[in-house]
Amino acid sequence: MASQMGDIAESALKRRMGVKDSSALIPGHGGLFDRFDGLLGAS
């Protein structure tokens, strides 16, 4: 659940900022924040 809340929190941030991905560092997958948001919540 904590992992999912990390994902939800980042989704809310992106909607607030009006962006689809945190960055374009990983082609087709967004940025590191997009990939590690759940791990942040779990940590």
PDB file of all heavy atoms in Angstrom:
ATOM      1  N   MET A   1       0.829  -1.206   0.000  1.00  0.00           N
ATOM      2  CA  MET A   1       0.000   0.000   0.000  1.00  0.00           C
ATOM      3  C   MET A   1       0.866   1.259   0.000  1.00  0.00           C
ATOM      4  O   MET A   1       0.560   2.230  -0.702  1.00  0.00           O
ATOM      5  CB  MET A   1      -0.913   0.007   1.229  1.00  0.00           C
ATOM      6  CG  MET A   1      -1.918  -1.108   1.284  1.00  0.00           C
ATOM      7  SD  MET A   1      -2.920  -0.991   2.797  1.00  0.00           S
ATOM      8  CE  MET A   1      -3.668  -2.631   2.819  1.00  0.00           C
ATOM      9  N   ALA A   2       1.943   1.231   0.790  1.00  0.00           N
ATOM     10  CA  ALA A   2       2.848   2.382   0.828  1.00  0.00           C
ATOM     11  C   ALA A   2       3.478   2.625  -0.536  1.00  0.00           C
ATOM     12  O   ALA A   2       3.639   3.768  -0.970  1.00  0.00           O
ATOM     13  CB  ALA A   2       3.930   2.147   1.884  1.00  0.00           C
ATOM     14  N   SER A   3       3.831   1.541  -1.215  1.00  0.00           N
ATOM     15  CA  SER A   3       4.373   1.649  -2.562  1.00  0.00           C
ATOM     16  C   SER A   3       3.358   2.295  -3.506  1.00  0.00           C
ATOM     17  O   SER A   3       3.696   3.178  -4.300  1.00  0.00           O
ATOM     18  CB  SER A   3       4.768   0.261  -3.067  1.00  0.00           C
ATOM     19  OG  SER A   3       5.062   0.286  -4.445  1.00  0.00           O
ATOM     20  N   GLN A   4       2.112   1.855  -3.408  1.00  0.00           N
ATOM     21  CA  GLN A   4       1.067   2.416  -4.257  1.00  0.00           C
ATOM     22  C   GLN A   4       0.828   3.889  -3.959  1.00  0.00           C
ATOM     23  O   GLN A   4       0.566   4.680  -4.855  1.00  0.00           O
ATOM     24  CB  GLN A   4      -0.218   1.614  -4.079  1.00  0.00           C
ATOM     25  CG  GLN A   4      -0.127   0.198  -4.634  1.00  0.00           C
ATOM     26  CD  GLN A   4      -1.280  -0.674  -4.188  1.00  0.00           C
ATOM     27  OE1 GLN A   4      -1.959  -0.395  -3.194  1.00  0.00           O
ATOM     28  NE2 GLN A   4      -1.516  -1.766  -4.908  1.00  0.00           N
ATOM     29  N   MET A   5       0.934   4.270  -2.679  1.00  0.00           N
ATOM     30  CA  MET A   5       0.758   5.674  -2.320  1.00  0.00           C
ATOM     31  C   MET A   5       1.899   6.530  -2.874  1.00  0.00           C
ATOM     32  O   MET A   5       1.696   7.693  -3.229  1.00  0.00           O
ATOM     33  CB  MET A   5       0.666   5.816  -0.803  1.00  0.00           C
ATOM     34  CG  MET A   5      -0.627   5.288  -0.203  1.00  0.00           C
ATOM     35  SD  MET A   5      -2.123   6.080  -0.881  1.00  0.00           S
ATOM     36  CE  MET A   5      -2.662   4.832  -2.082  1.00  0.00           C
ATOM     37  N   GLY A   6       3.104   5.949  -2.949  1.00  0.00           N
ATOM     38  CA  GLY A   6       4.199   6.667  -3.583  1.00  0.00           C
ATOM     39  C   GLY A   6       3.903   6.927  -5.049  1.00  0.00           C
ATOM     40  O   GLY A   6       4.160   8.024  -5.572  1.00  0.00           O
ATOM     41  N   ASP A   7       3.345   5.932  -5.710  1.00  0.00           N
ATOM     42  CA  ASP A   7       2.952   6.065  -7.117  1.00  0.00           C
ATOM     43  C   ASP A   7       1.855   7.106  -7.272  1.00  0.00           C
ATOM     44  O   ASP A   7       1.901   7.964  -8.166  1.00  0.00           O
ATOM     45  CB  ASP A   7       2.480   4.697  -7.622  1.00  0.00           C
ATOM     46  CG  ASP A   7       2.294   4.671  -9.128  1.00  0.00           C
ATOM     47  OD1 ASP A   7       2.533   5.706  -9.778  1.00  0.00           O
ATOM     48  OD2 ASP A   7       1.904   3.614  -9.656  1.00  0.00           O
ATOM     49  N   ILE A   8       0.856   7.043  -6.390  1.00  0.00           N
ATOM     50  CA  ILE A   8      -0.256   7.991  -6.434  1.00  0.00           C
ATOM     51  C   ILE A   8       0.238   9.422  -6.207  1.00  0.00           C
ATOM     52  O   ILE A   8      -0.179  10.364  -6.886  1.00  0.00           O
ATOM     53  CB  ILE A   8      -1.314   7.627  -5.378  1.00  0.00           C
ATOM     54  CG1 ILE A   8      -2.060   6.349  -5.783  1.00  0.00           C
ATOM     55  CG2 ILE A   8      -2.290   8.776  -5.168  1.00  0.00           C
ATOM     56  CD1 ILE A   8      -2.991   6.511  -6.948  1.00  0.00           C
ATOM     57  N   ALA A   9       1.149   9.584  -5.249  1.00  0.00           N
ATOM     58  CA  ALA A   9       1.659  10.920  -4.937  1.00  0.00           C
ATOM     59  C   ALA A   9       2.371  11.523  -6.148  1.00  0.00           C
ATOM     60  O   ALA A   9       2.194  12.708  -6.466  1.00  0.00           O
ATOM     61  CB  ALA A   9       2.609  10.849  -3.744  1.00  0.00           C
ATOM     62  N   GLU A  10       3.178  10.693  -6.843  1.00  0.00           N
ATOM     63  CA  GLU A  10       3.876  11.226  -8.017  1.00  0.00           C
ATOM     64  C   GLU A  10       2.897  11.519  -9.146  1.00  0.00           C
ATOM     65  O   GLU A  10       3.057  12.495  -9.882  1.00  0.00           O
ATOM     66  CB  GLU A  10       4.945  10.244  -8.498  1.00  0.00           C
ATOM     67  CG  GLU A  10       6.018  10.914  -9.340  1.00  0.00           C
ATOM     68  CD  GLU A  10       6.182  10.293 -10.722  1.00  0.00           C
ATOM     69  OE1 GLU A  10       5.508   9.304 -11.003  1.00  0.00           O
ATOM     70  OE2 GLU A  10       6.985  10.824 -11.517  1.00  0.00           O
ATOM     71  N   SER A  11       1.855  10.698  -9.296  1.00  0.00           N
ATOM     72  CA  SER A  11       0.834  10.954 -10.309  1.00  0.00           C
ATOM     73  C   SER A  11       0.123  12.280 -10.030  1.00  0.00           C
ATOM     74  O   SER A  11      -0.131  13.066 -10.952  1.00  0.00           O
ATOM     75  CB  SER A  11      -0.189   9.807 -10.335  1.00  0.00           C
ATOM     76  OG  SER A  11       0.407   8.605 -10.759  1.00  0.00           O
ATOM     77  N   ALA A  12      -0.167  12.520  -8.756  1.00  0.00           N
ATOM     78  CA  ALA A  12      -0.815  13.778  -8.387  1.00  0.00           C
ATOM     79  C   ALA A  12       0.091  14.960  -8.693  1.00  0.00           C
ATOM     80  O   ALA A  12      -0.368  16.012  -9.168  1.00  0.00           O
ATOM     81  CB  ALA A  12      -1.181  13.756  -6.908  1.00  0.00           C
ATOM     82  N   LEU A  13       1.386  14.795  -8.428  1.00  0.00           N
ATOM     83  CA  LEU A  13       2.336  15.868  -8.722  1.00  0.00           C
ATOM     84  C   LEU A  13       2.387  16.161 -10.216  1.00  0.00           C
ATOM     85  O   LEU A  13       2.359  17.333 -10.630  1.00  0.00           O
ATOM     86  CB  LEU A  13       3.729  15.468  -8.222  1.00  0.00           C
ATOM     87  CG  LEU A  13       4.874  16.409  -8.596  1.00  0.00           C
ATOM     88  CD1 LEU A  13       4.700  17.770  -7.943  1.00  0.00           C
ATOM     89  CD2 LEU A  13       6.227  15.787  -8.196  1.00  0.00           C
ATOM     90  N   LYS A  14       2.441  15.114 -11.036  1.00  0.00           N
ATOM     91  CA  LYS A  14       2.517  15.318 -12.489  1.00  0.00           C
ATOM     92  C   LYS A  14       1.250  15.992 -13.021  1.00  0.00           C
ATOM     93  O   LYS A  14       1.328  16.864 -13.901  1.00  0.00           O
ATOM     94  CB  LYS A  14       2.766  13.984 -13.191  1.00  0.00           C
ATOM     95  CG  LYS A  14       4.160  13.443 -12.960  1.00  0.00           C
ATOM     96  CD  LYS A  14       4.491  12.271 -13.865  1.00  0.00           C
ATOM     97  CE  LYS A  14       3.658  11.050 -13.527  1.00  0.00           C
ATOM     98  NZ  LYS A  14       4.085   9.872 -14.315  1.00  0.00           N
ATOM     99  N   ARG A  15       0.100  15.615 -12.496  1.00  0.00           N
ATOM    100  CA  ARG A  15      -1.142  16.259 -12.924  1.00  0.00           C
ATOM    101  C   ARG A  15      -1.154  17.726 -12.497  1.00  0.00           C
ATOM    102  O   ARG A  15      -1.616  18.597 -13.239  1.00  0.00           O
ATOM    103  CB  ARG A  15      -2.353  15.526 -12.345  1.00  0.00           C
ATOM    104  CG  ARG A  15      -2.574  14.146 -12.951  1.00  0.00           C
ATOM    105  CD  ARG A  15      -3.802  13.472 -12.368  1.00  0.00           C
ATOM    106  NE  ARG A  15      -5.030  14.109 -12.819  1.00  0.00           N
ATOM    107  CZ  ARG A  15      -5.639  13.836 -13.968  1.00  0.00           C
ATOM    108  NH1 ARG A  15      -5.127  12.937 -14.806  1.00  0.00           N
ATOM    109  NH2 ARG A  15      -6.758  14.443 -14.287  1.00  0.00           N
ATOM    110  N   ARG A  16      -0.655  17.993 -11.313  1.00  0.00           N
ATOM    111  CA  ARG A  16      -0.610  19.379 -10.827  1.00  0.00           C
ATOM    112  C   ARG A  16       0.323  20.228 -11.693  1.00  0.00           C
ATOM    113  O   ARG A  16       0.040  21.405 -11.961  1.00  0.00           O
ATOM    114  CB  ARG A  16      -0.134  19.385  -9.376  1.00  0.00           C
ATOM    115  CG  ARG A  16      -0.117  20.759  -8.714  1.00  0.00           C
ATOM    116  CD  ARG A  16       0.356  20.650  -7.276  1.00  0.00           C
ATOM    117  NE  ARG A  16       0.406  21.937  -6.606  1.00  0.00           N
ATOM    118  CZ  ARG A  16      -0.594  22.501  -5.950  1.00  0.00           C
ATOM    119  NH1 ARG A  16      -1.756  21.864  -5.875  1.00  0.00           N
ATOM    120  NH2 ARG A  16      -0.454  23.677  -5.358  1.00  0.00           N
ATOM    121  N   MET A  17       1.433  19.621 -12.139  1.00  0.00           N
ATOM    122  CA  MET A  17       2.405  20.344 -12.956  1.00  0.00           C
ATOM    123  C   MET A  17       2.060  20.304 -14.447  1.00  0.00           C
ATOM    124  O   MET A  17       2.704  20.971 -15.251  1.00  0.00           O
ATOM    125  CB  MET A  17       3.809  19.767 -12.752  1.00  0.00           C
ATOM    126  CG  MET A  17       4.354  19.890 -11.337  1.00  0.00           C
ATOM    127  SD  MET A  17       4.500  21.606 -10.787  1.00  0.00           S
ATOM    128  CE  MET A  17       3.166  21.684  -9.580  1.00  0.00           C
ATOM    129  N   GLY A  18       1.089  19.489 -14.820  1.00  0.00           N
ATOM    130  CA  GLY A  18       0.679  19.404 -16.221  1.00  0.00           C
ATOM    131  C   GLY A  18       1.671  18.702 -17.121  1.00  0.00           C
ATOM    132  O   GLY A  18       1.823  19.066 -18.295  1.00  0.00           O
ATOM    133  N   VAL A  19       2.345  17.666 -16.579  1.00  0.00           N
ATOM    134  CA  VAL A  19       3.319  16.914 -17.372  1.00  0.00           C
ATOM    135  C   VAL A  19       2.925  15.436 -17.387  1.00  0.00           C
ATOM    136  O   VAL A  19       2.270  14.939 -16.464  1.00  0.00           O
ATOM    137  CB  VAL A  19       4.753  17.073 -16.821  1.00  0.00           C
ATOM    138  CG1 VAL A  19       5.179  18.528 -16.881  1.00  0.00           C
ATOM    139  CG2 VAL A  19       4.853  16.546 -15.393  1.00  0.00           C
ATOM    140  N   LYS A  20       3.361  14.739 -18.422  1.00  0.00           N
ATOM    141  CA  LYS A  20       3.064  13.313 -18.539  1.00  0.00           C
ATOM    142  C   LYS A  20       4.103  12.472 -17.816  1.00  0.00           C
ATOM    143  O   LYS A  20       3.767  11.468 -17.168  1.00  0.00           O
ATOM    144  CB  LYS A  20       3.012  12.910 -20.016  1.00  0.00           C
ATOM    145  CG  LYS A  20       2.690  11.432 -20.230  1.00  0.00           C
ATOM    146  CD  LYS A  20       2.653  11.089 -21.705  1.00  0.00           C
ATOM    147  CE  LYS A  20       2.370   9.591 -21.903  1.00  0.00           C
ATOM    148  NZ  LYS A  20       2.386   9.232 -23.348  1.00  0.00           N
ATOM    149  N   ASP A  21       5.367  12.840 -17.961  1.00  0.00           N
ATOM    150  CA  ASP A  21       6.469  12.102 -17.338  1.00  0.00           C
ATOM    151  C   ASP A  21       7.345  13.053 -16.548  1.00  0.00           C
ATOM    152  O   ASP A  21       7.372  14.262 -16.812  1.00  0.00           O
ATOM    153  CB  ASP A  21       7.317  11.386 -18.398  1.00  0.00           C
ATOM    154  CG  ASP A  21       6.516  10.351 -19.175  1.00  0.00           C
ATOM    155  OD1 ASP A  21       5.789   9.572 -18.539  1.00  0.00           O
ATOM    156  OD2 ASP A  21       6.632  10.339 -20.416  1.00  0.00           O
ATOM    157  N   SER A  22       8.107  12.502 -15.589  1.00  0.00           N
ATOM    158  CA  SER A  22       9.001  13.345 -14.796  1.00  0.00           C
ATOM    159  C   SER A  22      10.159  13.872 -15.637  1.00  0.00           C
ATOM    160  O   SER A  22      10.691  14.955 -15.369  1.00  0.00           O
ATOM    161  CB  SER A  22       9.531  12.564 -13.591  1.00  0.00           C
ATOM    162  OG  SER A  22      10.255  11.417 -14.006  1.00  0.00           O
ATOM    163  N   SER A  23      10.565  13.123 -16.654  1.00  0.00           N
ATOM    164  CA  SER A  23      11.584  13.562 -17.607  1.00  0.00           C
ATOM    165  C   SER A  23      11.573  12.589 -18.779  1.00  0.00           C
ATOM    166  O   SER A  23      10.725  11.691 -18.840  1.00  0.00           O
ATOM    167  CB  SER A  23      12.984  13.602 -16.958  1.00  0.00           C
ATOM    168  OG  SER A  23      13.504  12.294 -16.776  1.00  0.00           O
ATOM    169  N   ALA A  24      12.509  12.766 -19.701  1.00  0.00           N
ATOM    170  CA  ALA A  24      12.609  11.867 -20.862  1.00  0.00           C
ATOM    171  C   ALA A  24      13.922  11.098 -20.833  1.00  0.00           C
ATOM    172  O   ALA A  24      14.446  10.719 -21.889  1.00  0.00           O
ATOM    173  CB  ALA A  24      12.486  12.680 -22.147  1.00  0.00           C
ATOM    174  N   LEU A  25      14.465  10.858 -19.652  1.00  0.00           N
ATOM    175  CA  LEU A  25      15.758  10.177 -19.538  1.00  0.00           C
ATOM    176  C   LEU A  25      15.714   8.750 -20.069  1.00  0.00           C
ATOM    177  O   LEU A  25      16.681   8.246 -20.625  1.00  0.00           O
ATOM    178  CB  LEU A  25      16.218  10.160 -18.074  1.00  0.00           C
ATOM    179  CG  LEU A  25      16.727  11.491 -17.500  1.00  0.00           C
ATOM    180  CD1 LEU A  25      17.123  11.300 -16.043  1.00  0.00           C
ATOM    181  CD2 LEU A  25      17.922  12.004 -18.304  1.00  0.00           C
ATOM    182  N   ILE A  26      14.582   8.071 -19.867  1.00  0.00           N
ATOM    183  CA  ILE A  26      14.438   6.683 -20.308  1.00  0.00           C
ATOM    184  C   ILE A  26      13.432   6.657 -21.456  1.00  0.00           C
ATOM    185  O   ILE A  26      12.225   6.763 -21.219  1.00  0.00           O
ATOM    186  CB  ILE A  26      13.955   5.771 -19.162  1.00  0.00           C
ATOM    187  CG1 ILE A  26      14.778   6.017 -17.896  1.00  0.00           C
ATOM    188  CG2 ILE A  26      14.025   4.310 -19.567  1.00  0.00           C
ATOM    189  CD1 ILE A  26      14.224   5.317 -16.675  1.00  0.00           C
ATOM    190  N   PRO A  27      13.881   6.550 -22.691  1.00  0.00           N
ATOM    191  CA  PRO A  27      12.967   6.612 -23.837  1.00  0.00           C
ATOM    192  C   PRO A  27      11.811   5.623 -23.706  1.00  0.00           C
ATOM    193  O   PRO A  27      12.010   4.429 -23.496  1.00  0.00           O
ATOM    194  CB  PRO A  27      13.869   6.246 -25.028  1.00  0.00           C
ATOM    195  CG  PRO A  27      15.237   6.639 -24.582  1.00  0.00           C
ATOM    196  CD  PRO A  27      15.278   6.353 -23.099  1.00  0.00           C
ATOM    197  N   GLY A  28      10.605   6.155 -23.788  1.00  0.00           N
ATOM    198  CA  GLY A  28       9.412   5.320 -23.706  1.00  0.00           C
ATOM    199  C   GLY A  28       8.965   4.997 -22.297  1.00  0.00           C
ATOM    200  O   GLY A  28       7.899   4.405 -22.102  1.00  0.00           O
ATOM    201  N   HIS A  29       9.761   5.379 -21.303  1.00  0.00           N
ATOM    202  CA  HIS A  29       9.417   5.043 -19.917  1.00  0.00           C
ATOM    203  C   HIS A  29       9.471   6.246 -18.984  1.00  0.00           C
ATOM    204  O   HIS A  29       9.286   6.093 -17.780  1.00  0.00           O
ATOM    205  CB  HIS A  29      10.360   3.957 -19.386  1.00  0.00           C
ATOM    206  CG  HIS A  29      10.204   2.651 -20.078  1.00  0.00           C
ATOM    207  ND1 HIS A  29       9.223   1.734 -19.722  1.00  0.00           N
ATOM    208  CD2 HIS A  29      10.881   2.092 -21.119  1.00  0.00           C
ATOM    209  CE1 HIS A  29       9.319   0.668 -20.508  1.00  0.00           C
ATOM    210  NE2 HIS A  29      10.309   0.867 -21.359  1.00  0.00           N
ATOM    211  N   GLY A  30       9.740   7.436 -19.501  1.00  0.00           N
ATOM    212  CA  GLY A  30       9.771   8.612 -18.656  1.00  0.00           C
ATOM    213  C   GLY A  30      11.096   8.789 -17.958  1.00  0.00           C
ATOM    214  O   GLY A  30      12.165   8.596 -18.542  1.00  0.00           O
ATOM    215  N   GLY A  31      11.042   9.156 -16.673  1.00  0.00           N
ATOM    216  CA  GLY A  31      12.251   9.419 -15.913  1.00  0.00           C
ATOM    217  C   GLY A  31      12.436   8.459 -14.758  1.00  0.00           C
ATOM    218  O   GLY A  31      11.639   7.544 -14.557  1.00  0.00           O
ATOM    219  N   LEU A  32      13.477   8.699 -13.978  1.00  0.00           N
ATOM    220  CA  LEU A  32      13.738   7.839 -12.830  1.00  0.00           C
ATOM    221  C   LEU A  32      12.655   7.986 -11.770  1.00  0.00           C
ATOM    222  O   LEU A  32      12.303   7.020 -11.089  1.00  0.00           O
ATOM    223  CB  LEU A  32      15.107   8.172 -12.229  1.00  0.00           C
ATOM    224  CG  LEU A  32      16.330   7.866 -13.094  1.00  0.00           C
ATOM    225  CD1 LEU A  32      17.612   8.095 -12.301  1.00  0.00           C
ATOM    226  CD2 LEU A  32      16.297   6.441 -13.624  1.00  0.00           C
ATOM    227  N   PHE A  33      12.124   9.201 -11.610  1.00  0.00           N
ATOM    228  CA  PHE A  33      11.048   9.411 -10.646  1.00  0.00           C
ATOM    229  C   PHE A  33       9.834   8.554 -11.003  1.00  0.00           C
ATOM    230  O   PHE A  33       9.156   8.008 -10.123  1.00  0.00           O
ATOM    231  CB  PHE A  33      10.671  10.894 -10.620  1.00  0.00           C
ATOM    232  CG  PHE A  33       9.968  11.340  -9.365  1.00  0.00           C
ATOM    233  CD1 PHE A  33       9.617  12.673  -9.193  1.00  0.00           C
ATOM    234  CD2 PHE A  33       9.666  10.457  -8.343  1.00  0.00           C
ATOM    235  CE1 PHE A  33       8.977  13.110  -8.046  1.00  0.00           C
ATOM    236  CE2 PHE A  33       9.019  10.870  -7.180  1.00  0.00           C
ATOM    237  CZ  PHE A  33       8.673  12.204  -7.042  1.00  0.00           C
ATOM    238  N   ASP A  34       9.551   8.398 -12.284  1.00  0.00           N
ATOM    239  CA  ASP A  34       8.434   7.564 -12.731  1.00  0.00           C
ATOM    240  C   ASP A  34       8.657   6.093 -12.400  1.00  0.00           C
ATOM    241  O   ASP A  34       7.714   5.348 -12.164  1.00  0.00           O
ATOM    242  CB  ASP A  34       8.232   7.708 -14.247  1.00  0.00           C
ATOM    243  CG  ASP A  34       7.884   9.125 -14.651  1.00  0.00           C
ATOM    244  OD1 ASP A  34       7.052   9.744 -13.975  1.00  0.00           O
ATOM    245  OD2 ASP A  34       8.470   9.622 -15.627  1.00  0.00           O
ATOM    246  N   ARG A  35       9.899   5.665 -12.407  1.00  0.00           N
ATOM    247  CA  ARG A  35      10.226   4.260 -12.176  1.00  0.00           C
ATOM    248  C   ARG A  35      10.409   3.934 -10.692  1.00  0.00           C
ATOM    249  O   ARG A  35      10.243   2.784 -10.290  1.00  0.00           O
ATOM    250  CB  ARG A  35      11.508   3.890 -12.934  1.00  0.00           C
ATOM    251  CG  ARG A  35      11.438   4.111 -14.436  1.00  0.00           C
ATOM    252  CD  ARG A  35      10.742   2.971 -15.170  1.00  0.00           C
ATOM    253  NE  ARG A  35       9.324   2.837 -14.890  1.00  0.00           N
ATOM    254  CZ  ARG A  35       8.367   3.543 -15.485  1.00  0.00           C
ATOM    255  NH1 ARG A  35       8.678   4.445 -16.383  1.00  0.00           N
ATOM    256  NH2 ARG A  35       7.101   3.342 -15.179  1.00  0.00           N
ATOM    257  N   PHE A  36      10.784   4.917  -9.893  1.00  0.00           N
ATOM    258  CA  PHE A  36      11.118   4.651  -8.498  1.00  0.00           C
ATOM    259  C   PHE A  36      10.136   5.267  -7.510  1.00  0.00           C
ATOM    260  O   PHE A  36      10.406   5.260  -6.310  1.00  0.00           O
ATOM    261  CB  PHE A  36      12.537   5.151  -8.190  1.00  0.00           C
ATOM    262  CG  PHE A  36      13.623   4.364  -8.860  1.00  0.00           C
ATOM    263  CD1 PHE A  36      14.220   4.834 -10.025  1.00  0.00           C
ATOM    264  CD2 PHE A  36      14.037   3.147  -8.354  1.00  0.00           C
ATOM    265  CE1 PHE A  36      15.217   4.108 -10.655  1.00  0.00           C
ATOM    266  CE2 PHE A  36      15.038   2.416  -8.981  1.00  0.00           C
ATOM    267  CZ  PHE A  36      15.623   2.890 -10.132  1.00  0.00           C
ATOM    268  N   ASP A  37       9.002   5.791  -7.995  1.00  0.00           N
ATOM    269  CA  ASP A  37       8.061   6.430  -7.069  1.00  0.00           C
ATOM    270  C   ASP A  37       7.523   5.437  -6.032  1.00  0.00           C
ATOM    271  O   ASP A  37       7.404   5.763  -4.850  1.00  0.00           O
ATOM    272  CB  ASP A  37       6.910   7.097  -7.835  1.00  0.00           C
ATOM    273  CG  ASP A  37       6.267   6.179  -8.873  1.00  0.00           C
ATOM    274  OD1 ASP A  37       6.638   4.979  -8.942  1.00  0.00           O
ATOM    275  OD2 ASP A  37       5.398   6.654  -9.621  1.00  0.00           O
ATOM    276  N   GLY A  38       7.227   4.217  -6.479  1.00  0.00           N
ATOM    277  CA  GLY A  38       6.742   3.208  -5.542  1.00  0.00           C
ATOM    278  C   GLY A  38       7.802   2.811  -4.526  1.00  0.00           C
ATOM    279  O   GLY A  38       7.514   2.604  -3.344  1.00  0.00           O
ATOM    280  N   LEU A  39       9.053   2.725  -4.976  1.00  0.00           N
ATOM    281  CA  LEU A  39      10.148   2.366  -4.078  1.00  0.00           C
ATOM    282  C   LEU A  39      10.359   3.455  -3.029  1.00  0.00           C
ATOM    283  O   LEU A  39      10.713   3.158  -1.877  1.00  0.00           O
ATOM    284  CB  LEU A  39      11.426   2.147  -4.881  1.00  0.00           C
ATOM    285  CG  LEU A  39      12.625   1.579  -4.118  1.00  0.00           C
ATOM    286  CD1 LEU A  39      12.292   0.217  -3.524  1.00  0.00           C
ATOM    287  CD2 LEU A  39      13.842   1.478  -5.033  1.00  0.00           C
ATOM    288  N   LEU A  40      10.119   4.709  -3.393  1.00  0.00           N
ATOM    289  CA  LEU A  40      10.244   5.800  -2.435  1.00  0.00           C
ATOM    290  C   LEU A  40       9.210   5.648  -1.322  1.00  0.00           C
ATOM    291  O   LEU A  40       9.529   5.782  -0.135  1.00  0.00           O
ATOM    292  CB  LEU A  40      10.067   7.150  -3.135  1.00  0.00           C
ATOM    293  CG  LEU A  40      11.132   7.552  -4.150  1.00  0.00           C
ATOM    294  CD1 LEU A  40      10.788   8.898  -4.764  1.00  0.00           C
ATOM    295  CD2 LEU A  40      12.506   7.605  -3.506  1.00  0.00           C
ATOM    296  N   GLY A  41       7.965   5.374  -1.694  1.00  0.00           N
ATOM    297  CA  GLY A  41       6.930   5.177  -0.693  1.00  0.00           C
ATOM    298  C   GLY A  41       7.232   4.002   0.212  1.00  0.00           C
ATOM    299  O   GLY A  41       7.042   4.072   1.435  1.00  0.00           O
ATOM    300  N   ALA A  42       7.741   2.920  -0.373  1.00  0.00           N
ATOM    301  CA  ALA A  42       8.078   1.733   0.412  1.00  0.00           C
ATOM    302  C   ALA A  42       9.242   2.012   1.355  1.00  0.00           C
ATOM    303  O   ALA A  42       9.267   1.539   2.496  1.00  0.00           O
ATOM    304  CB  ALA A  42       8.414   0.573  -0.522  1.00  0.00           C
ATOM    305  N   SER A  43      10.228   2.782   0.892  1.00  0.00           N
ATOM    306  CA  SER A  43      11.374   3.108   1.728  1.00  0.00           C
ATOM    307  C   SER A  43      10.955   3.944   2.927  1.00  0.00           C
ATOM    308  O   SER A  43      11.397   3.702   4.064  1.00  0.00           O
ATOM    309  CB  SER A  43      12.429   3.870   0.912  1.00  0.00           C
ATOM    310  OG  SER A  43      13.499   4.299   1.715  1.00  0.00           O
TER     311      SER A  43
END
